[in-house]
Amino acid sequence: ADSCVDCGVGKFNADDGVEAAVHDDSSDCLTCTAGRYQNTLSAAVCSDCGVGKFLEDDGVNHLNHDDANDCLVCGQGAYQDELAAGSCVGCGAGLFLSDAGTDHLSH
């Protein structure tokens, strides 16, 4: 081949180009893990979902990781204060969060 083929959106290849064995097949492009997405071609890393958001799919379907909108806002009664989360955390006993999952800054 005269040129390389890009890893598609939702996928990445973190190898720095030193090892040919991890650049010789489309399966070398890995799907982003839970809490991460990639919306560009030829990515070496995936982007993190922001705080207040999550992305549950753990590298199963690259189409679930190909846009920032794949990161969902936590629902009522839940929050997430970390980047790249695969789930949200429920509010503790006696506490609540009434936002219906519309504003990630509230979660």
N, C-alpha and C. Protein backbone atom coordinates (compact mmCIF):
# COMPACT_ATOMS: atom_id res chain seq x y z
N ALA A 1 0.84 -1.19 0.00
CA ALA A 1 0.00 0.00 0.00
C ALA A 1 0.87 1.23 0.00
N ASP A 2 0.44 2.24 -0.70
CA ASP A 2 1.18 3.50 -0.79
C ASP A 2 0.90 4.43 0.37
N SER A 3 -0.19 4.21 1.08
CA SER A 3 -0.52 5.06 2.21
C SER A 3 -1.27 4.25 3.27
N CYS A 4 -1.39 4.84 4.43
CA CYS A 4 -2.10 4.18 5.53
C CYS A 4 -3.59 4.51 5.47
N VAL A 5 -4.38 3.65 6.06
CA VAL A 5 -5.82 3.86 6.15
C VAL A 5 -6.12 4.39 7.55
N ASP A 6 -6.90 5.46 7.62
CA ASP A 6 -7.24 6.07 8.91
C ASP A 6 -8.09 5.15 9.75
N CYS A 7 -7.87 5.19 11.07
CA CYS A 7 -8.83 4.60 11.99
C CYS A 7 -10.07 5.48 11.92
N GLY A 8 -11.22 4.87 11.92
CA GLY A 8 -12.47 5.62 11.81
C GLY A 8 -12.86 6.30 13.11
N VAL A 9 -13.92 7.10 13.06
CA VAL A 9 -14.42 7.75 14.26
C VAL A 9 -14.89 6.70 15.25
N GLY A 10 -14.73 6.98 16.53
CA GLY A 10 -15.07 6.02 17.57
C GLY A 10 -13.97 5.04 17.87
N LYS A 11 -12.86 5.15 17.13
CA LYS A 11 -11.74 4.23 17.28
C LYS A 11 -10.42 4.99 17.41
N PHE A 12 -9.38 4.30 17.86
CA PHE A 12 -8.07 4.89 18.02
C PHE A 12 -6.99 3.84 17.89
N ASN A 13 -5.76 4.28 17.66
CA ASN A 13 -4.58 3.42 17.68
C ASN A 13 -3.49 4.22 18.38
N ALA A 14 -3.15 3.82 19.60
CA ALA A 14 -2.23 4.58 20.44
C ALA A 14 -0.76 4.33 20.12
N ASP A 15 -0.45 3.34 19.29
CA ASP A 15 0.95 3.06 18.98
C ASP A 15 1.56 4.24 18.22
N ASP A 16 2.77 4.58 18.56
CA ASP A 16 3.43 5.75 17.96
C ASP A 16 4.04 5.48 16.59
N GLY A 17 3.72 4.37 15.98
CA GLY A 17 4.19 4.08 14.63
C GLY A 17 5.50 3.33 14.57
N VAL A 18 5.94 2.81 15.68
CA VAL A 18 7.21 2.09 15.74
C VAL A 18 7.02 0.62 15.37
N GLU A 19 5.93 0.05 15.79
CA GLU A 19 5.72 -1.38 15.61
C GLU A 19 4.73 -1.66 14.48
N ALA A 20 5.19 -2.18 13.37
CA ALA A 20 4.35 -2.44 12.19
C ALA A 20 3.23 -3.43 12.49
N ALA A 21 3.46 -4.35 13.41
CA ALA A 21 2.47 -5.38 13.72
C ALA A 21 1.18 -4.82 14.29
N VAL A 22 1.20 -3.60 14.82
CA VAL A 22 -0.03 -3.01 15.34
C VAL A 22 -0.58 -1.94 14.40
N HIS A 23 -0.15 -2.04 13.13
CA HIS A 23 -0.63 -1.12 12.09
C HIS A 23 -0.91 -1.85 10.78
N ASP A 24 -1.11 -3.17 10.85
CA ASP A 24 -1.26 -3.94 9.62
C ASP A 24 -2.65 -4.51 9.38
N ASP A 25 -3.63 -4.12 10.23
CA ASP A 25 -4.98 -4.66 10.07
C ASP A 25 -5.99 -3.67 10.68
N SER A 26 -7.19 -3.64 10.14
CA SER A 26 -8.21 -2.71 10.67
C SER A 26 -8.54 -3.01 12.13
N SER A 27 -8.32 -4.25 12.58
CA SER A 27 -8.60 -4.59 13.98
C SER A 27 -7.60 -3.94 14.94
N ASP A 28 -6.53 -3.34 14.40
CA ASP A 28 -5.59 -2.61 15.25
C ASP A 28 -6.17 -1.28 15.72
N CYS A 29 -7.24 -0.84 15.07
CA CYS A 29 -7.97 0.35 15.51
C CYS A 29 -8.97 -0.11 16.57
N LEU A 30 -8.76 0.32 17.79
CA LEU A 30 -9.58 -0.12 18.92
C LEU A 30 -10.72 0.85 19.19
N THR A 31 -11.84 0.31 19.64
CA THR A 31 -12.99 1.14 20.01
C THR A 31 -12.71 1.79 21.36
N CYS A 32 -13.10 3.04 21.49
CA CYS A 32 -12.92 3.76 22.75
C CYS A 32 -13.60 3.00 23.90
N THR A 33 -13.06 3.15 25.09
CA THR A 33 -13.62 2.50 26.27
C THR A 33 -14.75 3.33 26.86
N ALA A 34 -15.40 2.81 27.88
CA ALA A 34 -16.49 3.51 28.56
C ALA A 34 -16.04 4.90 28.99
N GLY A 35 -16.93 5.88 28.85
CA GLY A 35 -16.62 7.23 29.27
C GLY A 35 -15.80 8.04 28.29
N ARG A 36 -15.53 7.47 27.10
CA ARG A 36 -14.70 8.17 26.12
C ARG A 36 -15.31 8.06 24.72
N TYR A 37 -15.00 9.05 23.89
CA TYR A 37 -15.48 9.09 22.51
C TYR A 37 -14.37 9.64 21.62
N GLN A 38 -14.52 9.48 20.32
CA GLN A 38 -13.56 10.04 19.36
C GLN A 38 -14.31 10.42 18.10
N ASN A 39 -14.31 11.70 17.75
CA ASN A 39 -15.07 12.15 16.59
C ASN A 39 -14.20 12.62 15.43
N THR A 40 -12.93 12.19 15.43
CA THR A 40 -12.04 12.51 14.32
C THR A 40 -11.38 11.24 13.80
N LEU A 41 -10.85 11.31 12.59
CA LEU A 41 -10.12 10.18 12.01
C LEU A 41 -8.68 10.17 12.51
N SER A 42 -8.05 9.04 12.45
CA SER A 42 -6.62 8.87 12.77
C SER A 42 -6.25 9.28 14.18
N ALA A 43 -7.09 8.99 15.14
CA ALA A 43 -6.83 9.40 16.52
C ALA A 43 -5.88 8.44 17.23
N ALA A 44 -5.05 9.01 18.09
CA ALA A 44 -4.16 8.22 18.93
C ALA A 44 -4.76 8.01 20.32
N VAL A 45 -5.72 8.85 20.69
CA VAL A 45 -6.40 8.74 21.99
C VAL A 45 -7.86 9.10 21.80
N CYS A 46 -8.66 8.74 22.77
CA CYS A 46 -10.07 9.12 22.77
C CYS A 46 -10.26 10.30 23.73
N SER A 47 -11.29 11.08 23.50
CA SER A 47 -11.61 12.22 24.36
C SER A 47 -12.48 11.75 25.52
N ASP A 48 -12.34 12.42 26.66
CA ASP A 48 -13.11 12.08 27.85
C ASP A 48 -14.49 12.73 27.82
N CYS A 49 -15.50 12.01 28.28
CA CYS A 49 -16.78 12.64 28.56
C CYS A 49 -16.55 13.57 29.75
N GLY A 50 -17.23 14.70 29.76
CA GLY A 50 -17.06 15.68 30.83
C GLY A 50 -17.76 15.30 32.12
N VAL A 51 -17.51 16.08 33.16
CA VAL A 51 -18.20 15.86 34.43
C VAL A 51 -19.69 16.05 34.24
N GLY A 52 -20.47 15.29 34.98
CA GLY A 52 -21.92 15.34 34.85
C GLY A 52 -22.45 14.47 33.72
N LYS A 53 -21.54 13.78 33.02
CA LYS A 53 -21.93 12.93 31.89
C LYS A 53 -21.31 11.55 32.02
N PHE A 54 -21.83 10.61 31.23
CA PHE A 54 -21.31 9.24 31.21
C PHE A 54 -21.53 8.62 29.84
N LEU A 55 -20.77 7.57 29.56
CA LEU A 55 -20.95 6.77 28.35
C LEU A 55 -20.71 5.33 28.77
N GLU A 56 -21.77 4.54 28.80
CA GLU A 56 -21.75 3.21 29.39
C GLU A 56 -21.04 2.16 28.53
N ASP A 57 -21.22 2.19 27.23
CA ASP A 57 -20.65 1.17 26.34
C ASP A 57 -19.14 1.07 26.55
N ASP A 58 -18.65 -0.12 26.85
CA ASP A 58 -17.23 -0.31 27.14
C ASP A 58 -16.49 -0.92 25.95
N GLY A 59 -16.40 -0.17 24.87
CA GLY A 59 -15.63 -0.60 23.72
C GLY A 59 -16.29 -1.66 22.87
N VAL A 60 -17.58 -1.83 22.98
CA VAL A 60 -18.28 -2.86 22.22
C VAL A 60 -18.64 -2.37 20.82
N ASN A 61 -19.23 -1.18 20.72
CA ASN A 61 -19.71 -0.67 19.44
C ASN A 61 -19.12 0.71 19.18
N HIS A 62 -18.26 0.84 18.19
CA HIS A 62 -17.60 2.12 17.92
C HIS A 62 -18.60 3.23 17.57
N LEU A 63 -19.78 2.87 17.09
CA LEU A 63 -20.80 3.87 16.76
C LEU A 63 -21.36 4.54 18.02
N ASN A 64 -21.15 3.93 19.18
CA ASN A 64 -21.56 4.53 20.45
C ASN A 64 -20.49 5.47 21.00
N HIS A 65 -19.39 5.65 20.27
CA HIS A 65 -18.25 6.45 20.74
C HIS A 65 -17.79 7.45 19.69
N ASP A 66 -18.63 7.79 18.72
CA ASP A 66 -18.17 8.60 17.59
C ASP A 66 -18.59 10.07 17.63
N ASP A 67 -19.17 10.51 18.75
CA ASP A 67 -19.63 11.90 18.84
C ASP A 67 -19.69 12.30 20.31
N ALA A 68 -19.42 13.56 20.60
CA ALA A 68 -19.51 14.06 21.98
C ALA A 68 -20.91 13.88 22.55
N ASN A 69 -21.92 13.87 21.69
CA ASN A 69 -23.29 13.67 22.14
C ASN A 69 -23.58 12.25 22.59
N ASP A 70 -22.64 11.33 22.39
CA ASP A 70 -22.79 9.98 22.92
C ASP A 70 -22.62 9.97 24.44
N CYS A 71 -22.00 11.01 24.97
CA CYS A 71 -21.87 11.18 26.42
C CYS A 71 -23.19 11.76 26.92
N LEU A 72 -23.87 11.02 27.76
CA LEU A 72 -25.20 11.40 28.22
C LEU A 72 -25.14 12.08 29.58
N VAL A 73 -26.05 13.00 29.81
CA VAL A 73 -26.16 13.67 31.11
C VAL A 73 -26.76 12.69 32.11
N CYS A 74 -26.22 12.67 33.32
CA CYS A 74 -26.76 11.82 34.37
C CYS A 74 -28.22 12.18 34.62
N GLY A 75 -29.01 11.19 34.98
CA GLY A 75 -30.44 11.40 35.22
C GLY A 75 -30.73 11.94 36.61
N GLN A 76 -32.00 12.12 36.90
CA GLN A 76 -32.42 12.60 38.21
C GLN A 76 -31.88 11.71 39.31
N GLY A 77 -31.45 12.32 40.39
CA GLY A 77 -30.97 11.57 41.54
C GLY A 77 -29.57 11.01 41.38
N ALA A 78 -28.84 11.45 40.35
CA ALA A 78 -27.49 10.92 40.12
C ALA A 78 -26.56 12.05 39.69
N TYR A 79 -25.27 11.83 39.88
CA TYR A 79 -24.27 12.81 39.50
C TYR A 79 -22.99 12.08 39.08
N GLN A 80 -22.06 12.84 38.49
CA GLN A 80 -20.74 12.30 38.16
C GLN A 80 -19.76 13.46 38.23
N ASP A 81 -18.79 13.37 39.15
CA ASP A 81 -17.83 14.45 39.33
C ASP A 81 -16.46 14.13 38.75
N GLU A 82 -16.38 13.06 37.97
CA GLU A 82 -15.11 12.68 37.34
C GLU A 82 -15.25 12.66 35.82
N LEU A 83 -14.15 12.84 35.14
CA LEU A 83 -14.10 12.73 33.68
C LEU A 83 -14.11 11.26 33.28
N ALA A 84 -14.51 10.98 32.06
CA ALA A 84 -14.43 9.64 31.45
C ALA A 84 -15.18 8.57 32.25
N ALA A 85 -16.38 8.89 32.69
CA ALA A 85 -17.16 7.95 33.50
C ALA A 85 -18.01 7.02 32.64
N GLY A 86 -18.14 5.80 33.09
CA GLY A 86 -18.98 4.82 32.43
C GLY A 86 -20.36 4.73 33.05
N SER A 87 -20.56 5.44 34.16
CA SER A 87 -21.86 5.44 34.84
C SER A 87 -21.94 6.66 35.74
N CYS A 88 -23.09 6.85 36.33
CA CYS A 88 -23.30 7.95 37.28
C CYS A 88 -23.43 7.36 38.68
N VAL A 89 -23.29 8.22 39.67
CA VAL A 89 -23.37 7.82 41.06
C VAL A 89 -24.68 8.34 41.64
N GLY A 90 -25.39 7.50 42.36
CA GLY A 90 -26.64 7.92 42.98
C GLY A 90 -26.40 8.85 44.15
N CYS A 91 -27.29 9.78 44.34
CA CYS A 91 -27.22 10.67 45.51
C CYS A 91 -27.39 9.81 46.76
N GLY A 92 -26.74 10.20 47.82
CA GLY A 92 -26.80 9.44 49.07
C GLY A 92 -28.16 9.53 49.74
N ALA A 93 -28.33 8.72 50.77
CA ALA A 93 -29.59 8.69 51.51
C ALA A 93 -29.92 10.08 52.04
N GLY A 94 -31.15 10.49 51.86
CA GLY A 94 -31.60 11.79 52.34
C GLY A 94 -31.27 12.95 51.42
N LEU A 95 -30.64 12.68 50.27
CA LEU A 95 -30.27 13.72 49.32
C LEU A 95 -30.96 13.47 47.99
N PHE A 96 -31.14 14.53 47.21
CA PHE A 96 -31.74 14.36 45.89
C PHE A 96 -31.20 15.42 44.94
N LEU A 97 -31.34 15.15 43.66
CA LEU A 97 -30.99 16.08 42.60
C LEU A 97 -32.16 16.08 41.64
N SER A 98 -32.86 17.18 41.56
CA SER A 98 -34.13 17.18 40.83
C SER A 98 -34.00 17.43 39.32
N ASP A 99 -32.84 17.93 38.85
CA ASP A 99 -32.70 18.17 37.42
C ASP A 99 -32.95 16.87 36.66
N ALA A 100 -33.72 16.95 35.60
CA ALA A 100 -34.14 15.75 34.84
C ALA A 100 -33.09 15.32 33.81
N GLY A 101 -31.83 15.63 34.04
CA GLY A 101 -30.79 15.19 33.12
C GLY A 101 -30.63 16.10 31.93
N THR A 102 -30.95 17.38 32.08
CA THR A 102 -30.85 18.31 30.96
C THR A 102 -29.60 19.18 31.02
N ASP A 103 -29.04 19.38 32.22
CA ASP A 103 -27.89 20.27 32.37
C ASP A 103 -26.75 19.52 33.05
N HIS A 104 -25.71 19.18 32.28
CA HIS A 104 -24.61 18.39 32.84
C HIS A 104 -23.88 19.11 33.97
N LEU A 105 -23.94 20.42 34.03
CA LEU A 105 -23.27 21.16 35.10
C LEU A 105 -23.99 21.00 36.43
N SER A 106 -25.23 20.55 36.39
CA SER A 106 -25.99 20.28 37.62
C SER A 106 -25.71 18.90 38.17
N HIS A 107 -24.98 18.09 37.42
CA HIS A 107 -24.75 16.71 37.82
C HIS A 107 -23.30 16.44 38.10
